[in-house]
Every structure is written in structure tokens, then in C-alpha cells.
C-alpha atoms as a PDB file:
ATOM      1  CA  MET A   1     -38.288 -38.853 102.990  1.00  0.00           C
ATOM      2  CA  ALA A   2     -37.047 -35.767 101.187  1.00  0.00           C
ATOM      3  CA  LEU A   3     -34.802 -33.304 102.948  1.00  0.00           C
ATOM      4  CA  THR A   4     -36.028 -29.767 103.325  1.00  0.00           C
ATOM      5  CA  GLU A   5     -33.763 -26.942 102.229  1.00  0.00           C
ATOM      6  CA  VAL A   6     -33.021 -26.135 105.889  1.00  0.00           C
ATOM      7  CA  GLU A   7     -32.135 -29.769 106.668  1.00  0.00           C
ATOM      8  CA  LEU A   8     -29.897 -29.893 103.620  1.00  0.00           C
ATOM      9  CA  ARG A   9     -28.106 -26.691 104.630  1.00  0.00           C
ATOM     10  CA  THR A  10     -27.719 -28.022 108.168  1.00  0.00           C
ATOM     11  CA  ALA A  11     -26.306 -31.309 106.896  1.00  0.00           C
ATOM     12  CA  LEU A  12     -23.798 -29.489 104.686  1.00  0.00           C
ATOM     13  CA  THR A  13     -22.733 -27.227 107.547  1.00  0.00           C
ATOM     14  CA  VAL A  14     -22.419 -30.070 110.050  1.00  0.00           C
ATOM     15  CA  PHE A  15     -20.534 -32.268 107.596  1.00  0.00           C
ATOM     16  CA  ASN A  16     -18.075 -29.498 106.769  1.00  0.00           C
ATOM     17  CA  TYR A  17     -17.368 -28.613 110.397  1.00  0.00           C
ATOM     18  CA  ALA A  18     -17.278 -32.219 111.589  1.00  0.00           C
ATOM     19  CA  GLU A  19     -14.664 -33.146 108.996  1.00  0.00           C
ATOM     20  CA  ARG A  20     -12.529 -30.104 109.824  1.00  0.00           C
ATOM     21  CA  LEU A  21     -12.803 -30.732 113.556  1.00  0.00           C
ATOM     22  CA  LYS A  22     -11.895 -34.398 113.193  1.00  0.00           C
ATOM     23  CA  ALA A  23      -8.729 -33.446 111.314  1.00  0.00           C
ATOM     24  CA  ASP A  24      -7.831 -30.816 113.925  1.00  0.00           C
ATOM     25  CA  LEU A  25      -8.513 -33.238 116.774  1.00  0.00           C
ATOM     26  CA  ILE A  26      -6.335 -35.915 115.197  1.00  0.00           C
ATOM     27  CA  ILE A  27      -3.538 -33.333 114.988  1.00  0.00           C
ATOM     28  CA  ALA A  28      -4.167 -32.472 118.663  1.00  0.00           C
ATOM     29  CA  TRP A  29      -3.887 -36.136 119.623  1.00  0.00           C
ATOM     30  CA  SER A  30      -0.576 -36.367 117.748  1.00  0.00           C
ATOM     31  CA  LEU A  31       0.712 -33.230 119.461  1.00  0.00           C
ATOM     32  CA  MET A  32      -0.131 -34.779 122.827  1.00  0.00           C
ATOM     33  CA  GLU A  33       1.991 -37.792 121.821  1.00  0.00           C
ATOM     34  CA  VAL A  34       4.926 -35.452 121.223  1.00  0.00           C
ATOM     35  CA  LEU A  35       4.316 -33.745 124.573  1.00  0.00           C
ATOM     36  CA  ARG A  36       4.438 -37.134 126.311  1.00  0.00           C
ATOM     37  CA  GLY A  37       7.968 -37.579 125.025  1.00  0.00           C
ATOM     38  CA  ILE A  38       9.244 -34.335 126.536  1.00  0.00           C
ATOM     39  CA  ARG A  39      10.304 -34.920 130.099  1.00  0.00           C
ATOM     40  CA  GLU A  40      11.294 -31.618 131.731  1.00  0.00           C
ATOM     41  CA  GLY A  41      12.746 -28.175 131.544  1.00  0.00           C
ATOM     42  CA  ALA A  42      12.230 -25.235 129.265  1.00  0.00           C
ATOM     43  CA  GLU A  43      11.351 -27.476 126.315  1.00  0.00           C
ATOM     44  CA  LEU A  44       8.407 -28.948 128.253  1.00  0.00           C
ATOM     45  CA  ALA A  45       7.210 -25.533 129.443  1.00  0.00           C
ATOM     46  CA  GLY A  46       7.375 -24.134 125.906  1.00  0.00           C
ATOM     47  CA  ALA A  47       5.628 -27.158 124.419  1.00  0.00           C
ATOM     48  CA  GLU A  48       2.828 -26.858 126.973  1.00  0.00           C
ATOM     49  CA  LYS A  49       2.330 -23.167 126.170  1.00  0.00           C
ATOM     50  CA  ILE A  50       2.153 -23.853 122.442  1.00  0.00           C
ATOM     51  CA  LEU A  51      -0.213 -26.773 122.944  1.00  0.00           C
ATOM     52  CA  ILE A  52      -2.499 -24.737 125.204  1.00  0.00           C
ATOM     53  CA  ALA A  53      -2.579 -21.985 122.565  1.00  0.00           C
ATOM     54  CA  TYR A  54      -3.499 -24.603 119.925  1.00  0.00           C
ATOM     55  CA  PHE A  55      -6.296 -25.982 122.094  1.00  0.00           C
ATOM     56  CA  ASN A  56      -7.652 -22.495 122.811  1.00  0.00           C
ATOM     57  CA  ALA A  57      -7.733 -21.776 119.064  1.00  0.00           C
ATOM     58  CA  LEU A  58      -9.436 -25.126 118.480  1.00  0.00           C
ATOM     59  CA  ILE A  59     -12.014 -24.364 121.191  1.00  0.00           C
ATOM     60  CA  SER A  60     -12.812 -21.125 119.359  1.00  0.00           C
ATOM     61  CA  GLU A  61     -13.243 -23.044 116.097  1.00  0.00           C
ATOM     62  CA  VAL A  62     -15.507 -25.592 117.790  1.00  0.00           C
ATOM     63  CA  ASN A  63     -17.621 -22.771 119.210  1.00  0.00           C
ATOM     64  CA  VAL A  64     -17.961 -21.295 115.715  1.00  0.00           C
ATOM     65  CA  ALA A  65     -19.085 -24.729 114.489  1.00  0.00           C
ATOM     66  CA  ALA A  66     -21.603 -24.979 117.328  1.00  0.00           C
ATOM     67  CA  ASN A  67     -22.997 -21.520 116.596  1.00  0.00           C
ATOM     68  CA  ALA A  68     -23.160 -22.061 112.839  1.00  0.00           C
ATOM     69  CA  SER A  69     -24.751 -25.493 113.040  1.00  0.00           C
ATOM     70  CA  ARG A  70     -26.661 -25.242 116.319  1.00  0.00           C
ATOM     71  CA  VAL A  71     -25.379 -28.744 117.141  1.00  0.00           C
ATOM     72  CA  GLU A  72     -25.040 -29.174 120.901  1.00  0.00           C
ATOM     73  CA  GLU A  73     -22.588 -32.039 120.472  1.00  0.00           C
ATOM     74  CA  PHE A  74     -20.064 -29.485 119.217  1.00  0.00           C
ATOM     75  CA  ARG A  75     -20.480 -27.600 122.509  1.00  0.00           C
ATOM     76  CA  ARG A  76     -19.663 -30.823 124.351  1.00  0.00           C
ATOM     77  CA  ILE A  77     -16.506 -31.089 122.270  1.00  0.00           C
ATOM     78  CA  ALA A  78     -15.539 -27.561 123.364  1.00  0.00           C
ATOM     79  CA  THR A  79     -16.127 -28.529 127.004  1.00  0.00           C
ATOM     80  CA  SER A  80     -13.953 -31.616 126.560  1.00  0.00           C
ATOM     81  CA  LEU A  81     -11.200 -29.489 125.070  1.00  0.00           C
ATOM     82  CA  GLU A  82     -11.370 -27.103 128.020  1.00  0.00           C
ATOM     83  CA  ARG A  83     -10.776 -30.143 130.227  1.00  0.00           C
ATOM     84  CA  VAL A  84      -7.859 -31.110 127.968  1.00  0.00           C
ATOM     85  CA  VAL A  85      -6.262 -27.709 128.618  1.00  0.00           C
ATOM     86  CA  ASP A  86      -6.547 -28.396 132.353  1.00  0.00           C
ATOM     87  CA  CYS A  87      -4.913 -31.795 131.808  1.00  0.00           C
ATOM     88  CA  VAL A  88      -2.014 -30.193 129.934  1.00  0.00           C
ATOM     89  CA  ARG A  89      -1.523 -27.750 132.813  1.00  0.00           C
ATOM     90  CA  ARG A  90      -1.597 -30.643 135.316  1.00  0.00           C
ATOM     91  CA  ARG A  91       0.734 -32.687 133.088  1.00  0.00           C
ATOM     92  CA  ASP A  92      -1.797 -35.491 132.660  1.00  0.00           C
ATOM     93  CA  PRO A  93      -1.404 -36.458 128.989  1.00  0.00           C
ATOM     94  CA  THR A  94      -3.148 -39.824 129.414  1.00  0.00           C
ATOM     95  CA  THR A  95      -6.433 -38.232 130.441  1.00  0.00           C
ATOM     96  CA  ALA A  96      -5.977 -35.508 127.820  1.00  0.00           C
ATOM     97  CA  GLN A  97      -5.619 -38.071 125.046  1.00  0.00           C
ATOM     98  CA  ARG A  98      -8.664 -39.982 126.280  1.00  0.00           C
ATOM     99  CA  LEU A  99     -10.711 -36.769 126.172  1.00  0.00           C
ATOM    100  CA  ILE A 100      -9.416 -35.983 122.680  1.00  0.00           C
ATOM    101  CA  SER A 101     -10.364 -39.487 121.523  1.00  0.00           C
ATOM    102  CA  GLU A 102     -13.865 -38.979 122.896  1.00  0.00           C
ATOM    103  CA  ALA A 103     -14.088 -35.629 121.084  1.00  0.00           C
ATOM    104  CA  ILE A 104     -13.029 -37.329 117.832  1.00  0.00           C
ATOM    105  CA  SER A 105     -15.851 -39.844 118.342  1.00  0.00           C
ATOM    106  CA  MET A 106     -18.370 -37.042 118.948  1.00  0.00           C
ATOM    107  CA  ALA A 107     -17.284 -35.218 115.774  1.00  0.00           C
ATOM    108  CA  THR A 108     -17.372 -38.478 113.818  1.00  0.00           C
ATOM    109  CA  THR A 109     -20.916 -39.207 114.994  1.00  0.00           C
ATOM    110  CA  GLN A 110     -22.127 -35.793 113.861  1.00  0.00           C
ATOM    111  CA  GLY A 111     -20.285 -36.097 110.554  1.00  0.00           C
ATOM    112  CA  ASP A 112     -21.794 -39.534 109.976  1.00  0.00           C
ATOM    113  CA  TRP A 113     -25.326 -38.215 110.488  1.00  0.00           C
ATOM    114  CA  ALA A 114     -24.675 -35.383 108.046  1.00  0.00           C
ATOM    115  CA  ALA A 115     -22.975 -37.659 105.508  1.00  0.00           C
ATOM    116  CA  ARG A 116     -25.952 -40.020 105.485  1.00  0.00           C
ATOM    117  CA  LYS A 117     -28.281 -37.103 104.773  1.00  0.00           C
ATOM    118  CA  LEU A 118     -26.041 -35.900 101.953  1.00  0.00           C
ATOM    119  CA  VAL A 119     -25.792 -39.384 100.463  1.00  0.00           C
ATOM    120  CA  GLU A 120     -29.596 -39.501 100.376  1.00  0.00           C
ATOM    121  CA  LYS A 121     -29.442 -36.476  98.046  1.00  0.00           C
ATOM    122  CA  ASN A 122     -26.495 -37.918  96.064  1.00  0.00           C
ATOM    123  CA  LEU A 123     -24.332 -34.964  97.107  1.00  0.00           C
ATOM    124  CA  ILE A 124     -21.453 -37.131  98.301  1.00  0.00           C
END
């Protein structure tokens, strides 16, 4: 079945955002690993503030992806990241990393759908 122009544009948009979000989420997971190694004091407080700022910026990027692509799964990623911010504030890195892993899976699923559509058109 041939892709319509709208489907092709959607696939390109979703693929682009999904790949970017996966990379950003992998960075977030790595940053959480670093946070786990910081035990107390001003270093921990500063690291948490920076990490929360990163997640808030990432949430904004995910919302842009959701608006541009109209993919609801991206909105679920944003919701997961909001929960991650709460985990950072509660100092629960284990749950935060689980939520990040789930978000990576959601982004991967969307990217896979888009990639298959683009392969059909020999665009990737």
C-alpha cells in the first residue's frame, strides 16, 4: 500500500523526533547513574537541581514532538518524565531509571513504526 503525502510527512516527523528523544533519554539515564553515585551534601543538591532542569527542558522538547507529530505516545513520555522529576526530588533514582527505560521503549516503538514506513518508500 502506498503512503499518502500526509503519512509520509508524519513518518518523517515521528522518526526524527523519536530518534532525538531516544538519544536524550539515554543521556538522562546516564545522568541518573551519576546522581546515584553522589551521596550527600551540596554536590547532591546541585546535581539534583541540574538534573531537574534537564528533565524540564526534555519535557518541553517531548511536548514539541507531541504537538508536531500528534502522536499521543509522546505525551505519555512527557508524563513519565514528570514522574521522573518527582523521583529525583524524592531521591528515588531506581524508580526514575525504570521510568526513563520505559520512555526509551515508547520512543523506540514510535521510531520503529516510522522507520518501517520510510523503508517502504526507500527513504532510509
